[in-house]
C-alpha atoms as a PDB file:
ATOM      1  CA  UNK A   1       0.000   0.000   0.000  1.00  0.00           C
ATOM      2  CA  UNK A   2       2.850   2.355   0.867  1.00  0.00           C
ATOM      3  CA  UNK A   3       4.418   1.968  -2.577  1.00  0.00           C
ATOM      4  CA  UNK A   4       1.084   2.507  -4.327  1.00  0.00           C
ATOM      5  CA  UNK A   5       0.541   5.770  -2.471  1.00  0.00           C
ATOM      6  CA  UNK A   6       4.074   6.892  -3.305  1.00  0.00           C
ATOM      7  CA  UNK A   7       3.451   6.286  -7.004  1.00  0.00           C
ATOM      8  CA  UNK A   8       0.636   8.836  -6.922  1.00  0.00           C
ATOM      9  CA  UNK A   9       3.189  11.486  -6.001  1.00  0.00           C
ATOM     10  CA  UNK A  10       5.626  11.170  -8.890  1.00  0.00           C
ATOM     11  CA  UNK A  11       6.723  14.819  -8.793  1.00  0.00           C
ATOM     12  CA  UNK A  12      10.490  14.915  -8.320  1.00  0.00           C
ATOM     13  CA  UNK A  13      10.486  17.827  -5.898  1.00  0.00           C
ATOM     14  CA  UNK A  14      10.295  16.221  -2.474  1.00  0.00           C
ATOM     15  CA  UNK A  15       8.808  19.261  -0.749  1.00  0.00           C
ATOM     16  CA  UNK A  16       5.993  19.468  -3.295  1.00  0.00           C
ATOM     17  CA  UNK A  17       5.276  15.751  -2.839  1.00  0.00           C
ATOM     18  CA  UNK A  18       5.092  16.224   0.889  1.00  0.00           C
ATOM     19  CA  UNK A  19       2.740  19.173   0.468  1.00  0.00           C
ATOM     20  CA  UNK A  20       0.468  17.096  -1.756  1.00  0.00           C
ATOM     21  CA  UNK A  21       0.540  14.280   0.787  1.00  0.00           C
ATOM     22  CA  UNK A  22      -0.534  16.746   3.473  1.00  0.00           C
ATOM     23  CA  UNK A  23      -3.375  17.842   1.196  1.00  0.00           C
ATOM     24  CA  UNK A  24      -4.558  14.244   0.755  1.00  0.00           C
ATOM     25  CA  UNK A  25      -4.268  13.377   4.437  1.00  0.00           C
ATOM     26  CA  UNK A  26      -6.016  16.552   5.611  1.00  0.00           C
ATOM     27  CA  UNK A  27      -8.729  16.030   3.004  1.00  0.00           C
ATOM     28  CA  UNK A  28      -9.531  12.598   4.432  1.00  0.00           C
ATOM     29  CA  UNK A  29      -9.497  13.922   7.989  1.00  0.00           C
ATOM     30  CA  UNK A  30     -11.902  16.724   7.120  1.00  0.00           C
ATOM     31  CA  UNK A  31     -14.091  14.725   4.753  1.00  0.00           C
ATOM     32  CA  UNK A  32     -14.923  12.242   7.510  1.00  0.00           C
ATOM     33  CA  UNK A  33     -15.072  14.922  10.204  1.00  0.00           C
ATOM     34  CA  UNK A  34     -17.299  17.423   8.422  1.00  0.00           C
ATOM     35  CA  UNK A  35     -19.456  14.575   7.187  1.00  0.00           C
ATOM     36  CA  UNK A  36     -19.947  13.407  10.761  1.00  0.00           C
ATOM     37  CA  UNK A  37     -21.027  16.870  11.919  1.00  0.00           C
ATOM     38  CA  UNK A  38     -23.303  17.281   8.890  1.00  0.00           C
ATOM     39  CA  UNK A  39     -25.089  13.991   9.447  1.00  0.00           C
ATOM     40  CA  UNK A  40     -25.669  14.667  13.154  1.00  0.00           C
ATOM     41  CA  UNK A  41     -26.812  18.257  12.589  1.00  0.00           C
ATOM     42  CA  UNK A  42     -28.909  17.860   9.472  1.00  0.00           C
ATOM     43  CA  UNK A  43     -30.307  14.544  10.678  1.00  0.00           C
ATOM     44  CA  UNK A  44     -31.490  16.330  13.847  1.00  0.00           C
ATOM     45  CA  UNK A  45     -30.007  13.681  16.086  1.00  0.00           C
ATOM     46  CA  UNK A  46     -31.651  10.760  14.343  1.00  0.00           C
ATOM     47  CA  UNK A  47     -28.496   9.742  12.463  1.00  0.00           C
ATOM     48  CA  UNK A  48     -25.970  10.188  15.229  1.00  0.00           C
ATOM     49  CA  UNK A  49     -25.010  12.210  18.279  1.00  0.00           C
ATOM     50  CA  UNK A  50     -22.003  14.093  19.658  1.00  0.00           C
ATOM     51  CA  UNK A  51     -19.987  10.886  20.047  1.00  0.00           C
ATOM     52  CA  UNK A  52     -20.526  10.206  16.341  1.00  0.00           C
ATOM     53  CA  UNK A  53     -18.685  13.448  15.556  1.00  0.00           C
ATOM     54  CA  UNK A  54     -15.798  12.488  17.846  1.00  0.00           C
ATOM     55  CA  UNK A  55     -15.541   9.091  16.180  1.00  0.00           C
ATOM     56  CA  UNK A  56     -15.692  10.567  12.684  1.00  0.00           C
ATOM     57  CA  UNK A  57     -12.807  12.931  13.376  1.00  0.00           C
ATOM     58  CA  UNK A  58     -10.799  10.225  15.119  1.00  0.00           C
ATOM     59  CA  UNK A  59     -11.221   7.808  12.228  1.00  0.00           C
ATOM     60  CA  UNK A  60     -10.530  10.626   9.772  1.00  0.00           C
ATOM     61  CA  UNK A  61      -7.201  11.284  11.498  1.00  0.00           C
ATOM     62  CA  UNK A  62      -6.323   7.587  11.311  1.00  0.00           C
ATOM     63  CA  UNK A  63      -7.139   7.371   7.598  1.00  0.00           C
ATOM     64  CA  UNK A  64      -5.262  10.600   6.885  1.00  0.00           C
ATOM     65  CA  UNK A  65      -2.136   9.278   8.587  1.00  0.00           C
ATOM     66  CA  UNK A  66      -2.351   5.993   6.687  1.00  0.00           C
ATOM     67  CA  UNK A  67      -2.619   7.900   3.407  1.00  0.00           C
ATOM     68  CA  UNK A  68       0.145  10.453   3.959  1.00  0.00           C
ATOM     69  CA  UNK A  69       2.309   9.229   6.815  1.00  0.00           C
ATOM     70  CA  UNK A  70       4.998   7.530   4.752  1.00  0.00           C
ATOM     71  CA  UNK A  71       5.489  10.627   2.590  1.00  0.00           C
ATOM     72  CA  UNK A  72       5.192  13.686   4.805  1.00  0.00           C
ATOM     73  CA  UNK A  73       4.719  12.329   8.297  1.00  0.00           C
ATOM     74  CA  UNK A  74       1.047  13.312   8.092  1.00  0.00           C
ATOM     75  CA  UNK A  75       1.000  16.398  10.291  1.00  0.00           C
ATOM     76  CA  UNK A  76      -2.482  17.366   9.020  1.00  0.00           C
ATOM     77  CA  UNK A  77      -2.306  20.364  11.345  1.00  0.00           C
ATOM     78  CA  UNK A  78      -0.566  23.716  10.910  1.00  0.00           C
ATOM     79  CA  UNK A  79       0.102  23.908  14.646  1.00  0.00           C
ATOM     80  CA  UNK A  80       1.908  20.563  14.579  1.00  0.00           C
ATOM     81  CA  UNK A  81       3.920  21.548  11.502  1.00  0.00           C
ATOM     82  CA  UNK A  82       4.939  24.829  13.129  1.00  0.00           C
ATOM     83  CA  UNK A  83       5.949  23.036  16.340  1.00  0.00           C
ATOM     84  CA  UNK A  84       8.071  20.536  14.410  1.00  0.00           C
ATOM     85  CA  UNK A  85       9.833  23.463  12.740  1.00  0.00           C
ATOM     86  CA  UNK A  86      10.472  25.052  16.140  1.00  0.00           C
ATOM     87  CA  UNK A  87      11.906  21.750  17.411  1.00  0.00           C
ATOM     88  CA  UNK A  88      13.991  21.473  14.212  1.00  0.00           C
ATOM     89  CA  UNK A  89      12.327  18.227  13.207  1.00  0.00           C
ATOM     90  CA  UNK A  90      11.295  19.896   9.940  1.00  0.00           C
ATOM     91  CA  UNK A  91      13.151  22.578   7.941  1.00  0.00           C
ATOM     92  CA  UNK A  92      11.451  25.989   8.011  1.00  0.00           C
ATOM     93  CA  UNK A  93      11.612  26.116   4.205  1.00  0.00           C
ATOM     94  CA  UNK A  94       9.032  23.297   4.086  1.00  0.00           C
ATOM     95  CA  UNK A  95       6.530  25.083   6.298  1.00  0.00           C
ATOM     96  CA  UNK A  96       4.686  26.900   3.456  1.00  0.00           C
ATOM     97  CA  UNK A  97       4.271  23.726   1.369  1.00  0.00           C
ATOM     98  CA  UNK A  98       2.894  21.778   4.311  1.00  0.00           C
ATOM     99  CA  UNK A  99       0.439  24.457   5.392  1.00  0.00           C
ATOM    100  CA  UNK A 100      -0.708  25.227   1.842  1.00  0.00           C
ATOM    101  CA  UNK A 101      -1.297  21.506   1.302  1.00  0.00           C
ATOM    102  CA  UNK A 102      -3.264  21.204   4.536  1.00  0.00           C
ATOM    103  CA  UNK A 103      -5.381  24.244   3.736  1.00  0.00           C
ATOM    104  CA  UNK A 104      -6.072  23.008   0.214  1.00  0.00           C
ATOM    105  CA  UNK A 105      -7.167  19.573   1.446  1.00  0.00           C
ATOM    106  CA  UNK A 106      -9.388  21.067   4.146  1.00  0.00           C
ATOM    107  CA  UNK A 107     -11.001  23.572   1.775  1.00  0.00           C
ATOM    108  CA  UNK A 108     -11.663  20.848  -0.798  1.00  0.00           C
ATOM    109  CA  UNK A 109     -13.290  18.604   1.803  1.00  0.00           C
ATOM    110  CA  UNK A 110     -15.575  21.454   2.878  1.00  0.00           C
ATOM    111  CA  UNK A 111     -16.553  22.133  -0.730  1.00  0.00           C
ATOM    112  CA  UNK A 112     -17.329  18.491  -1.520  1.00  0.00           C
ATOM    113  CA  UNK A 113     -19.302  18.021   1.685  1.00  0.00           C
ATOM    114  CA  UNK A 114     -21.254  21.159   0.836  1.00  0.00           C
ATOM    115  CA  UNK A 115     -22.095  19.632  -2.553  1.00  0.00           C
ATOM    116  CA  UNK A 116     -23.041  16.308  -0.995  1.00  0.00           C
ATOM    117  CA  UNK A 117     -25.347  17.814   1.628  1.00  0.00           C
ATOM    118  CA  UNK A 118     -26.574  20.849  -0.290  1.00  0.00           C
ATOM    119  CA  UNK A 119     -30.182  19.654  -0.524  1.00  0.00           C
ATOM    120  CA  UNK A 120     -30.198  18.719   3.149  1.00  0.00           C
ATOM    121  CA  UNK A 121     -28.738  22.118   4.078  1.00  0.00           C
ATOM    122  CA  UNK A 122     -31.456  23.917   2.150  1.00  0.00           C
ATOM    123  CA  UNK A 123     -34.180  21.744   3.654  1.00  0.00           C
ATOM    124  CA  UNK A 124     -32.830  22.232   7.184  1.00  0.00           C
ATOM    125  CA  UNK A 125     -32.733  26.032   7.055  1.00  0.00           C
ATOM    126  CA  UNK A 126     -35.397  26.819   4.473  1.00  0.00           C
ATOM    127  CA  UNK A 127     -32.860  27.744   1.818  1.00  0.00           C
ATOM    128  CA  UNK A 128     -31.110  30.346   3.978  1.00  0.00           C
ATOM    129  CA  UNK A 129     -27.661  29.746   5.424  1.00  0.00           C
ATOM    130  CA  UNK A 130     -27.494  30.951   9.032  1.00  0.00           C
ATOM    131  CA  UNK A 131     -24.273  31.043  11.008  1.00  0.00           C
ATOM    132  CA  UNK A 132     -25.765  30.447  14.465  1.00  0.00           C
ATOM    133  CA  UNK A 133     -29.194  30.021  16.024  1.00  0.00           C
ATOM    134  CA  UNK A 134     -31.774  27.209  15.826  1.00  0.00           C
ATOM    135  CA  UNK A 135     -31.151  26.772  12.096  1.00  0.00           C
ATOM    136  CA  UNK A 136     -27.455  27.637  12.120  1.00  0.00           C
ATOM    137  CA  UNK A 137     -25.345  25.421   9.888  1.00  0.00           C
ATOM    138  CA  UNK A 138     -21.958  27.141   9.693  1.00  0.00           C
ATOM    139  CA  UNK A 139     -20.897  25.000  12.649  1.00  0.00           C
ATOM    140  CA  UNK A 140     -20.969  21.971  10.368  1.00  0.00           C
ATOM    141  CA  UNK A 141     -17.826  23.248   8.670  1.00  0.00           C
ATOM    142  CA  UNK A 142     -15.962  25.253  11.340  1.00  0.00           C
ATOM    143  CA  UNK A 143     -15.985  25.468  15.127  1.00  0.00           C
ATOM    144  CA  UNK A 144     -17.793  28.164  17.105  1.00  0.00           C
ATOM    145  CA  UNK A 145     -17.551  28.889  20.840  1.00  0.00           C
ATOM    146  CA  UNK A 146     -20.416  28.350  23.237  1.00  0.00           C
ATOM    147  CA  UNK A 147     -22.400  31.555  23.966  1.00  0.00           C
ATOM    148  CA  UNK A 148     -20.930  31.845  27.464  1.00  0.00           C
ATOM    149  CA  UNK A 149     -17.299  31.788  26.308  1.00  0.00           C
ATOM    150  CA  UNK A 150     -15.099  34.894  26.500  1.00  0.00           C
ATOM    151  CA  UNK A 151     -12.256  35.559  24.074  1.00  0.00           C
ATOM    152  CA  UNK A 152      -9.708  34.814  26.783  1.00  0.00           C
ATOM    153  CA  UNK A 153     -11.543  31.681  27.826  1.00  0.00           C
ATOM    154  CA  UNK A 154     -11.653  30.466  24.243  1.00  0.00           C
ATOM    155  CA  UNK A 155      -7.943  31.110  23.794  1.00  0.00           C
ATOM    156  CA  UNK A 156      -7.042  29.232  26.978  1.00  0.00           C
ATOM    157  CA  UNK A 157      -9.321  26.331  26.015  1.00  0.00           C
ATOM    158  CA  UNK A 158      -7.837  25.901  22.552  1.00  0.00           C
ATOM    159  CA  UNK A 159      -4.269  26.481  23.761  1.00  0.00           C
ATOM    160  CA  UNK A 160      -4.525  23.770  26.400  1.00  0.00           C
ATOM    161  CA  UNK A 161      -6.244  21.277  24.077  1.00  0.00           C
ATOM    162  CA  UNK A 162      -3.649  21.862  21.345  1.00  0.00           C
ATOM    163  CA  UNK A 163      -0.804  21.573  23.864  1.00  0.00           C
ATOM    164  CA  UNK A 164      -2.170  18.232  25.081  1.00  0.00           C
ATOM    165  CA  UNK A 165      -2.497  17.071  21.475  1.00  0.00           C
ATOM    166  CA  UNK A 166       1.113  17.987  20.695  1.00  0.00           C
ATOM    167  CA  UNK A 167       2.480  16.485  23.911  1.00  0.00           C
ATOM    168  CA  UNK A 168       0.726  13.174  23.285  1.00  0.00           C
ATOM    169  CA  UNK A 169       1.782  13.040  19.630  1.00  0.00           C
ATOM    170  CA  UNK A 170       5.416  13.558  20.623  1.00  0.00           C
ATOM    171  CA  UNK A 171       5.032  10.713  23.128  1.00  0.00           C
ATOM    172  CA  UNK A 172       3.346   8.390  20.635  1.00  0.00           C
ATOM    173  CA  UNK A 173       6.099   8.776  18.043  1.00  0.00           C
ATOM    174  CA  UNK A 174       9.076   8.933  20.444  1.00  0.00           C
ATOM    175  CA  UNK A 175      11.004   5.719  19.817  1.00  0.00           C
ATOM    176  CA  UNK A 176      13.532   6.650  22.512  1.00  0.00           C
ATOM    177  CA  UNK A 177      10.805   6.564  25.131  1.00  0.00           C
ATOM    178  CA  UNK A 178       7.796   4.253  25.436  1.00  0.00           C
ATOM    179  CA  UNK A 179       6.294   5.117  22.070  1.00  0.00           C
ATOM    180  CA  UNK A 180       3.472   3.264  20.355  1.00  0.00           C
ATOM    181  CA  UNK A 181       4.211  -0.073  18.724  1.00  0.00           C
ATOM    182  CA  UNK A 182       5.275   0.212  15.104  1.00  0.00           C
ATOM    183  CA  UNK A 183       2.250   0.316  12.830  1.00  0.00           C
ATOM    184  CA  UNK A 184      -0.202   1.277  15.566  1.00  0.00           C
ATOM    185  CA  UNK A 185       0.576   5.010  15.521  1.00  0.00           C
ATOM    186  CA  UNK A 186      -2.330   6.011  13.217  1.00  0.00           C
ATOM    187  CA  UNK A 187      -4.893   4.223  15.378  1.00  0.00           C
ATOM    188  CA  UNK A 188      -3.449   5.589  18.631  1.00  0.00           C
ATOM    189  CA  UNK A 189      -3.406   9.120  17.212  1.00  0.00           C
ATOM    190  CA  UNK A 190      -7.010   8.732  16.094  1.00  0.00           C
ATOM    191  CA  UNK A 191      -7.949   7.575  19.599  1.00  0.00           C
ATOM    192  CA  UNK A 192      -6.129  10.607  20.990  1.00  0.00           C
ATOM    193  CA  UNK A 193      -8.270  12.973  18.907  1.00  0.00           C
ATOM    194  CA  UNK A 194     -11.347  11.007  19.944  1.00  0.00           C
ATOM    195  CA  UNK A 195     -10.410  11.445  23.615  1.00  0.00           C
ATOM    196  CA  UNK A 196      -9.775  15.177  23.194  1.00  0.00           C
ATOM    197  CA  UNK A 197     -13.185  15.571  21.595  1.00  0.00           C
ATOM    198  CA  UNK A 198     -14.863  13.634  24.395  1.00  0.00           C
ATOM    199  CA  UNK A 199     -13.068  15.553  27.148  1.00  0.00           C
ATOM    200  CA  UNK A 200     -12.522  19.057  25.734  1.00  0.00           C
ATOM    201  CA  UNK A 201     -15.189  19.734  23.135  1.00  0.00           C
ATOM    202  CA  UNK A 202     -17.802  21.580  25.176  1.00  0.00           C
ATOM    203  CA  UNK A 203     -16.434  25.128  25.175  1.00  0.00           C
ATOM    204  CA  UNK A 204     -15.124  25.724  21.662  1.00  0.00           C
ATOM    205  CA  UNK A 205     -15.627  22.540  19.668  1.00  0.00           C
ATOM    206  CA  UNK A 206     -11.957  21.479  19.967  1.00  0.00           C
ATOM    207  CA  UNK A 207     -10.647  22.907  16.710  1.00  0.00           C
ATOM    208  CA  UNK A 208      -7.027  22.312  17.926  1.00  0.00           C
ATOM    209  CA  UNK A 209      -5.956  22.818  14.331  1.00  0.00           C
ATOM    210  CA  UNK A 210      -5.849  25.965  12.157  1.00  0.00           C
ATOM    211  CA  UNK A 211      -5.925  23.717   9.088  1.00  0.00           C
ATOM    212  CA  UNK A 212      -9.162  22.174  10.337  1.00  0.00           C
ATOM    213  CA  UNK A 213     -10.946  25.448  11.076  1.00  0.00           C
ATOM    214  CA  UNK A 214      -9.797  28.333   8.867  1.00  0.00           C
ATOM    215  CA  UNK A 215     -10.157  26.910   5.311  1.00  0.00           C
ATOM    216  CA  UNK A 216     -13.744  25.646   5.851  1.00  0.00           C
ATOM    217  CA  UNK A 217     -14.593  28.955   7.504  1.00  0.00           C
ATOM    218  CA  UNK A 218     -13.329  30.789   4.427  1.00  0.00           C
ATOM    219  CA  UNK A 219     -15.349  28.424   2.262  1.00  0.00           C
ATOM    220  CA  UNK A 220     -18.576  29.127   4.169  1.00  0.00           C
ATOM    221  CA  UNK A 221     -17.989  32.859   3.810  1.00  0.00           C
ATOM    222  CA  UNK A 222     -17.804  32.370   0.036  1.00  0.00           C
ATOM    223  CA  UNK A 223     -20.603  29.794  -0.211  1.00  0.00           C
ATOM    224  CA  UNK A 224     -23.378  31.928   1.270  1.00  0.00           C
ATOM    225  CA  UNK A 225     -22.951  32.305   5.025  1.00  0.00           C
ATOM    226  CA  UNK A 226     -21.170  35.614   4.546  1.00  0.00           C
ATOM    227  CA  UNK A 227     -18.643  37.557   6.563  1.00  0.00           C
ATOM    228  CA  UNK A 228     -20.524  36.743   9.780  1.00  0.00           C
ATOM    229  CA  UNK A 229     -18.578  33.490   9.994  1.00  0.00           C
ATOM    230  CA  UNK A 230     -15.567  35.539  11.158  1.00  0.00           C
ATOM    231  CA  UNK A 231     -17.426  37.491  13.828  1.00  0.00           C
END
């Protein structure tokens, strides 16, 4: 399977290949994740619940790592890529390619999920796309804080959740410590995201990933929800 995936990326420039791998991996993560939120929201709880969303994102992470891990390391997260650059695990010159790839994959997943659920979106909100409220649907694509959250509270929430994510990922892949068994890393990382969603999703929706939140938010602004998605 590894060799088949590598053949897809026949471009000689290694950095470009890695960027494309990040795009593929992030696309799978977001395609499953957004799809999970869409089915729960538009199905009005009949076709899933909050745990379904956690599972969808966790499985999406696992599939994304399987698809891109052997090529780019499957960061799938701009925060993780930036941290690896800070720790000198990744050259700074590769940062733009990785983040552009992640953003492209995330934006594409949002677009395709919008196409897939367009009729359901229109039926759910009467043809109008609301950001928040009883018929709000922007939250299918990006995360929004609970009404009681302050800006500082939201920052602290996301900072802590992202820090826990990064700490655990470093532990999982640290072969000099008690890292995960070889070949189990994608599943363990998916379970990690599942656990974060189950334990830290109440306040802000556990974005923990600029590549997960910003591109779909930009897409919704273009697709009909308007500039209110940034407010």
